Amino acid sequence: MTIRLPDPAICILLLILTLSACNKDKSITGKEFIERDVLVEILLDIHLADGVTNDRVFHRKYEVDSIDVLSPILEKYKVSRQKFDATIVVYTRNPELLDQVYSDVLIKLNVMLDENNKEKEEEKEEEPNTPESSLELLPGQG
């Protein structure tokens, strides 16, 4: 019985892949980048603002073709456009880290949605009983 060794090129390729996987940063750090928690909040605000400004009612009310939603958000968090752009570039080069950031953004959006739905249900319960239709207003009907 003869044992066949793998091709040396395959061994080198596997070694390179293994070493590159081990050297991956698990976080993006440095003064030139936005901290992860702040980035989550910025992206959350961007998506909320985008949702509002993409509504037809908003455009009818304010009659604008385009709106810079990013600048006020970056000002709120005291982040420069260059720092934001540099951070986004690095995260797009590390999709697994970007996925983690967006998982946090989605969790926060879902929490906000749940809280909003809960408030609406509570408001509905507090409303006085109103007739479902005009038929209920008539005596002996409904």
C-alpha atoms as a PDB file:
ATOM      1  CA  MET A   1       0.000   0.000   0.000  1.00  0.00           C
ATOM      2  CA  THR A   2       1.426   3.340  -1.071  1.00  0.00           C
ATOM      3  CA  ILE A   3       0.620   6.609   0.645  1.00  0.00           C
ATOM      4  CA  ARG A   4       0.426   9.481  -1.798  1.00  0.00           C
ATOM      5  CA  LEU A   5       1.389  12.899  -0.461  1.00  0.00           C
ATOM      6  CA  PRO A   6      -0.598  15.920  -1.612  1.00  0.00           C
ATOM      7  CA  ASP A   7       0.808  18.225  -4.225  1.00  0.00           C
ATOM      8  CA  PRO A   8       3.230  20.799  -2.658  1.00  0.00           C
ATOM      9  CA  ALA A   9       1.268  23.680  -4.215  1.00  0.00           C
ATOM     10  CA  ILE A  10      -1.875  22.554  -2.392  1.00  0.00           C
ATOM     11  CA  CYS A  11       0.048  22.309   0.890  1.00  0.00           C
ATOM     12  CA  ILE A  12       1.428  25.832   0.457  1.00  0.00           C
ATOM     13  CA  LEU A  13      -2.017  27.191  -0.409  1.00  0.00           C
ATOM     14  CA  LEU A  14      -3.562  25.549   2.670  1.00  0.00           C
ATOM     15  CA  LEU A  15      -0.766  26.921   4.865  1.00  0.00           C
ATOM     16  CA  ILE A  16      -1.270  30.447   3.531  1.00  0.00           C
ATOM     17  CA  LEU A  17      -5.040  30.249   4.047  1.00  0.00           C
ATOM     18  CA  THR A  18      -4.587  28.948   7.586  1.00  0.00           C
ATOM     19  CA  LEU A  19      -2.100  31.643   8.514  1.00  0.00           C
ATOM     20  CA  SER A  20      -4.171  34.433   6.991  1.00  0.00           C
ATOM     21  CA  ALA A  21      -7.251  33.231   8.896  1.00  0.00           C
ATOM     22  CA  CYS A  22      -5.310  33.263  12.161  1.00  0.00           C
ATOM     23  CA  ASN A  23      -4.035  36.788  11.609  1.00  0.00           C
ATOM     24  CA  LYS A  24      -7.457  38.347  11.028  1.00  0.00           C
ATOM     25  CA  ASP A  25      -8.267  41.159  13.429  1.00  0.00           C
ATOM     26  CA  LYS A  26     -11.419  40.476  15.396  1.00  0.00           C
ATOM     27  CA  SER A  27     -12.026  44.186  15.817  1.00  0.00           C
ATOM     28  CA  ILE A  28     -11.108  47.407  14.107  1.00  0.00           C
ATOM     29  CA  THR A  29      -9.256  49.773  16.399  1.00  0.00           C
ATOM     30  CA  GLY A  30      -7.332  52.985  16.109  1.00  0.00           C
ATOM     31  CA  LYS A  31      -7.901  56.699  16.453  1.00  0.00           C
ATOM     32  CA  GLU A  32      -8.566  56.965  12.719  1.00  0.00           C
ATOM     33  CA  PHE A  33     -11.639  54.728  13.047  1.00  0.00           C
ATOM     34  CA  ILE A  34     -15.004  55.101  14.763  1.00  0.00           C
ATOM     35  CA  GLU A  35     -15.528  52.908  17.821  1.00  0.00           C
ATOM     36  CA  ARG A  36     -17.808  49.959  17.110  1.00  0.00           C
ATOM     37  CA  ASP A  37     -20.587  51.002  19.520  1.00  0.00           C
ATOM     38  CA  VAL A  38     -20.648  54.525  18.084  1.00  0.00           C
ATOM     39  CA  LEU A  39     -20.706  53.131  14.539  1.00  0.00           C
ATOM     40  CA  VAL A  40     -23.754  51.039  15.448  1.00  0.00           C
ATOM     41  CA  GLU A  41     -25.551  54.167  16.697  1.00  0.00           C
ATOM     42  CA  ILE A  42     -24.548  56.177  13.614  1.00  0.00           C
ATOM     43  CA  LEU A  43     -25.783  53.458  11.249  1.00  0.00           C
ATOM     44  CA  LEU A  44     -28.993  53.165  13.256  1.00  0.00           C
ATOM     45  CA  ASP A  45     -29.629  56.905  12.903  1.00  0.00           C
ATOM     46  CA  ILE A  46     -28.745  56.823   9.204  1.00  0.00           C
ATOM     47  CA  HIS A  47     -31.273  54.078   8.527  1.00  0.00           C
ATOM     48  CA  LEU A  48     -33.967  55.801  10.582  1.00  0.00           C
ATOM     49  CA  ALA A  49     -33.372  59.099   8.758  1.00  0.00           C
ATOM     50  CA  ASP A  50     -33.332  57.305   5.425  1.00  0.00           C
ATOM     51  CA  GLY A  51     -36.666  55.685   6.221  1.00  0.00           C
ATOM     52  CA  VAL A  52     -38.221  59.053   7.034  1.00  0.00           C
ATOM     53  CA  THR A  53     -36.778  60.921   4.067  1.00  0.00           C
ATOM     54  CA  ASN A  54     -37.778  58.211   1.580  1.00  0.00           C
ATOM     55  CA  ASP A  55     -41.430  58.583   2.519  1.00  0.00           C
ATOM     56  CA  ARG A  56     -43.600  60.287  -0.126  1.00  0.00           C
ATOM     57  CA  VAL A  57     -45.354  62.394   2.493  1.00  0.00           C
ATOM     58  CA  PHE A  58     -41.999  63.796   3.587  1.00  0.00           C
ATOM     59  CA  HIS A  59     -41.119  64.845   0.036  1.00  0.00           C
ATOM     60  CA  ARG A  60     -44.548  66.401  -0.540  1.00  0.00           C
ATOM     61  CA  LYS A  61     -44.300  68.354   2.692  1.00  0.00           C
ATOM     62  CA  TYR A  62     -40.733  69.615   2.273  1.00  0.00           C
ATOM     63  CA  GLU A  63     -40.480  69.659  -1.547  1.00  0.00           C
ATOM     64  CA  VAL A  64     -36.843  68.604  -1.729  1.00  0.00           C
ATOM     65  CA  ASP A  65     -35.103  66.480  -4.301  1.00  0.00           C
ATOM     66  CA  SER A  66     -32.281  65.277  -2.090  1.00  0.00           C
ATOM     67  CA  ILE A  67     -31.334  65.682   1.498  1.00  0.00           C
ATOM     68  CA  ASP A  68     -27.981  65.319   3.207  1.00  0.00           C
ATOM     69  CA  VAL A  69     -28.962  63.100   6.125  1.00  0.00           C
ATOM     70  CA  LEU A  70     -25.401  62.059   6.898  1.00  0.00           C
ATOM     71  CA  SER A  71     -23.861  65.397   7.920  1.00  0.00           C
ATOM     72  CA  PRO A  72     -26.202  66.149  10.855  1.00  0.00           C
ATOM     73  CA  ILE A  73     -25.802  62.600  12.139  1.00  0.00           C
ATOM     74  CA  LEU A  74     -22.015  62.774  11.987  1.00  0.00           C
ATOM     75  CA  GLU A  75     -22.144  66.159  13.754  1.00  0.00           C
ATOM     76  CA  LYS A  76     -24.311  64.620  16.487  1.00  0.00           C
ATOM     77  CA  TYR A  77     -21.600  62.037  17.208  1.00  0.00           C
ATOM     78  CA  LYS A  78     -18.730  64.497  16.577  1.00  0.00           C
ATOM     79  CA  VAL A  79     -17.299  62.336  13.783  1.00  0.00           C
ATOM     80  CA  SER A  80     -15.679  63.722  10.637  1.00  0.00           C
ATOM     81  CA  ARG A  81     -16.735  62.558   7.197  1.00  0.00           C
ATOM     82  CA  GLN A  82     -13.181  61.310   6.590  1.00  0.00           C
ATOM     83  CA  LYS A  83     -13.232  59.180   9.742  1.00  0.00           C
ATOM     84  CA  PHE A  84     -16.644  57.767   8.807  1.00  0.00           C
ATOM     85  CA  ASP A  85     -15.505  56.964   5.259  1.00  0.00           C
ATOM     86  CA  ALA A  86     -12.273  55.336   6.488  1.00  0.00           C
ATOM     87  CA  THR A  87     -14.235  53.215   8.961  1.00  0.00           C
ATOM     88  CA  ILE A  88     -16.736  52.089   6.337  1.00  0.00           C
ATOM     89  CA  VAL A  89     -13.920  51.171   3.935  1.00  0.00           C
ATOM     90  CA  VAL A  90     -12.225  48.989   6.557  1.00  0.00           C
ATOM     91  CA  TYR A  91     -15.491  47.305   7.565  1.00  0.00           C
ATOM     92  CA  THR A  92     -16.398  46.566   3.944  1.00  0.00           C
ATOM     93  CA  ARG A  93     -13.027  44.845   3.611  1.00  0.00           C
ATOM     94  CA  ASN A  94     -13.949  42.736   6.659  1.00  0.00           C
ATOM     95  CA  PRO A  95     -17.490  41.561   5.890  1.00  0.00           C
ATOM     96  CA  GLU A  96     -17.694  39.306   8.948  1.00  0.00           C
ATOM     97  CA  LEU A  97     -17.151  42.330  11.202  1.00  0.00           C
ATOM     98  CA  LEU A  98     -19.634  44.390   9.185  1.00  0.00           C
ATOM     99  CA  ASP A  99     -22.174  41.591   9.635  1.00  0.00           C
ATOM    100  CA  GLN A 100     -21.659  41.772  13.402  1.00  0.00           C
ATOM    101  CA  VAL A 101     -22.177  45.546  13.383  1.00  0.00           C
ATOM    102  CA  TYR A 102     -25.338  45.225  11.298  1.00  0.00           C
ATOM    103  CA  SER A 103     -26.634  42.470  13.572  1.00  0.00           C
ATOM    104  CA  ASP A 104     -26.484  44.993  16.416  1.00  0.00           C
ATOM    105  CA  VAL A 105     -28.173  47.641  14.250  1.00  0.00           C
ATOM    106  CA  LEU A 106     -30.993  45.214  13.383  1.00  0.00           C
ATOM    107  CA  ILE A 107     -31.432  44.199  17.021  1.00  0.00           C
ATOM    108  CA  LYS A 108     -31.793  47.859  18.016  1.00  0.00           C
ATOM    109  CA  LEU A 109     -34.226  48.532  15.163  1.00  0.00           C
ATOM    110  CA  ASN A 110     -36.334  45.528  16.200  1.00  0.00           C
ATOM    111  CA  VAL A 111     -36.361  46.677  19.832  1.00  0.00           C
ATOM    112  CA  MET A 112     -37.521  50.121  18.693  1.00  0.00           C
ATOM    113  CA  LEU A 113     -40.223  48.543  16.526  1.00  0.00           C
ATOM    114  CA  ASP A 114     -41.429  46.362  19.406  1.00  0.00           C
ATOM    115  CA  GLU A 115     -41.550  49.366  21.749  1.00  0.00           C
ATOM    116  CA  ASN A 116     -43.483  51.369  19.155  1.00  0.00           C
ATOM    117  CA  ASN A 117     -45.968  48.535  18.631  1.00  0.00           C
ATOM    118  CA  LYS A 118     -46.407  48.177  22.388  1.00  0.00           C
ATOM    119  CA  GLU A 119     -47.105  51.911  22.755  1.00  0.00           C
ATOM    120  CA  LYS A 120     -49.675  51.759  19.961  1.00  0.00           C
ATOM    121  CA  GLU A 121     -51.412  48.819  21.629  1.00  0.00           C
ATOM    122  CA  GLU A 122     -51.491  50.659  24.966  1.00  0.00           C
ATOM    123  CA  GLU A 123     -52.931  53.770  23.301  1.00  0.00           C
ATOM    124  CA  LYS A 124     -55.560  51.639  21.622  1.00  0.00           C
ATOM    125  CA  GLU A 125     -56.549  50.086  24.964  1.00  0.00           C
ATOM    126  CA  GLU A 126     -56.842  53.539  26.559  1.00  0.00           C
ATOM    127  CA  GLU A 127     -59.204  54.853  23.863  1.00  0.00           C
ATOM    128  CA  PRO A 128     -62.870  54.839  24.830  1.00  0.00           C
ATOM    129  CA  ASN A 129     -65.012  52.230  23.134  1.00  0.00           C
ATOM    130  CA  THR A 130     -66.043  53.694  19.848  1.00  0.00           C
ATOM    131  CA  PRO A 131     -68.476  52.070  17.471  1.00  0.00           C
ATOM    132  CA  GLU A 132     -66.882  49.935  14.774  1.00  0.00           C
ATOM    133  CA  SER A 133     -69.303  51.245  12.182  1.00  0.00           C
ATOM    134  CA  SER A 134     -72.117  53.742  11.839  1.00  0.00           C
ATOM    135  CA  LEU A 135     -74.599  50.858  12.132  1.00  0.00           C
ATOM    136  CA  GLU A 136     -73.737  50.497  15.808  1.00  0.00           C
ATOM    137  CA  LEU A 137     -74.950  54.046  16.376  1.00  0.00           C
ATOM    138  CA  LEU A 138     -78.499  53.131  15.435  1.00  0.00           C
ATOM    139  CA  PRO A 139     -80.639  51.630  18.187  1.00  0.00           C
ATOM    140  CA  GLY A 140     -81.578  48.020  17.572  1.00  0.00           C
ATOM    141  CA  GLN A 141     -78.967  47.621  14.821  1.00  0.00           C
ATOM    142  CA  GLY A 142     -75.745  45.549  14.910  1.00  0.00           C
END
